[in-house]
Every structure is written in C-alpha cells, then in structure tokens.
Protein backbone atom coordinates (compact mmCIF):
# COMPACT_ATOMS: atom_id res chain seq x y z
CA MET A 1 0.02 -0.14 -0.02
CA THR A 2 1.37 3.49 -0.97
CA LEU A 3 0.38 6.42 1.20
CA SER A 4 0.44 10.03 -0.04
CA VAL A 5 0.30 13.40 1.82
CA LEU A 6 -0.71 16.66 0.27
CA VAL A 7 2.08 19.21 0.56
CA ASN A 8 1.00 22.93 1.71
CA VAL A 9 3.74 24.75 -0.34
CA SER A 10 2.46 28.15 0.62
CA PHE A 11 2.65 27.47 4.26
CA LYS A 12 6.39 26.73 4.04
CA PHE A 13 7.09 29.63 2.08
CA GLY A 14 4.80 31.81 4.60
CA THR A 15 6.92 30.91 7.20
CA ALA A 16 10.31 31.44 5.21
CA LEU A 17 8.65 35.01 4.17
CA LYS A 18 7.93 35.81 7.77
CA SER A 19 11.57 34.85 8.82
CA LEU A 20 13.03 36.93 5.94
CA ALA A 21 14.70 33.76 4.58
CA THR A 22 16.99 33.72 1.53
CA GLY A 23 17.21 29.88 1.31
CA ILE A 24 15.38 26.88 2.90
CA ILE A 25 16.00 23.32 3.17
CA VAL A 26 12.84 20.94 3.14
CA CYS A 27 12.56 17.66 4.73
CA HIS A 28 10.21 14.75 4.88
CA ASN A 29 10.32 11.17 6.11
CA HIS A 30 9.78 7.71 4.27
CA PRO A 31 8.39 5.62 7.08
CA SER A 32 8.63 2.59 5.14
CA GLY A 33 12.42 2.62 5.21
CA ASN A 34 12.50 3.10 1.22
CA ILE A 35 15.17 5.45 0.41
CA ASN A 36 14.41 5.42 -3.46
CA LEU A 37 13.01 8.86 -4.48
CA SER A 38 9.51 8.64 -6.03
CA ASN A 39 8.34 10.69 -8.86
CA GLN A 40 6.11 12.67 -6.73
CA ASP A 41 9.18 13.58 -4.38
CA LYS A 42 10.93 15.04 -7.61
CA LEU A 43 7.68 16.87 -8.78
CA ILE A 44 7.09 18.53 -5.31
CA THR A 45 10.78 19.31 -5.34
CA ASN A 46 10.81 21.23 -8.65
CA ARG A 47 7.73 22.67 -7.61
CA ILE A 48 8.99 24.17 -4.42
CA LYS A 49 12.22 25.18 -6.34
CA GLU A 50 10.02 27.00 -9.01
CA ILE A 51 8.04 28.81 -6.52
CA GLY A 52 11.39 29.82 -4.36
CA GLN A 53 12.73 31.31 -7.42
CA LEU A 54 9.83 33.41 -7.99
CA LEU A 55 9.89 34.59 -4.18
CA GLU A 56 13.76 34.80 -4.15
CA ILE A 57 14.11 32.02 -1.71
CA ARG A 58 16.69 29.54 -2.99
CA LEU A 59 15.87 26.07 -2.25
CA LEU A 60 18.90 24.56 -0.79
CA ASP A 61 18.36 21.05 -0.23
CA HIS A 62 15.39 18.51 0.06
CA LEU A 63 16.19 15.60 2.41
CA ILE A 64 14.47 12.34 2.58
CA ILE A 65 15.05 10.65 5.81
CA THR A 66 13.94 6.92 7.05
CA PRO A 67 13.68 5.54 10.63
CA PHE A 68 16.75 3.33 10.00
CA ASP A 69 19.26 5.89 9.93
CA SER A 70 19.42 6.47 6.28
CA TYR A 71 18.64 9.72 3.91
CA VAL A 72 19.07 11.02 0.67
CA SER A 73 19.81 14.75 -0.28
CA MET A 74 18.46 15.72 -3.71
CA SER A 75 21.19 18.54 -3.80
CA ASP A 76 23.93 15.68 -3.51
CA GLU A 77 22.23 13.77 -6.03
CA ASN A 78 22.39 16.81 -8.39
CA LEU A 79 18.32 16.97 -8.60
CA ILE A 80 18.01 20.58 -7.28
C-alpha cells in the first residue's frame, strides 16, 4: 500500500517569508524505510524550487529520511 500526503507549499514559504529567509531546506520522511526517490518526491521538489525562484528564496536541499538512520539529499544527487 502506498500512502501520499498533500504538501502545503504556501505554508512553507509563508514561514520563510516571515523569517526573511533567503534559502530553505525541506525535509520529509519515508516511514517505510524505502530510500528511493519517487516521482512525486521529484515533482514536489521542482514545484518548491520554482516557487522559491519567484520569491527569491533558494531551495538549498530536500532531504528524505527513514527510521533506519538513512537519508538521501536531493542536492547531493544533483536534483536541485
């Protein structure tokens, strides 16, 4: 069974704007322990990056973590 969650991008950037941030790092978990990037992970990352460019807030990284002490950095994978 695959679960998905809606991402409220405007909430993320609302917080960044209130903080006068010039860059953000976003993170979410894969409770299943699967460290592989899904198409949805890539799509939401691109959406966050595009909105950030409009607001002049750079997306520095998108981290995906698991409960097994593993993670993937989209920046390290050259996906940002």
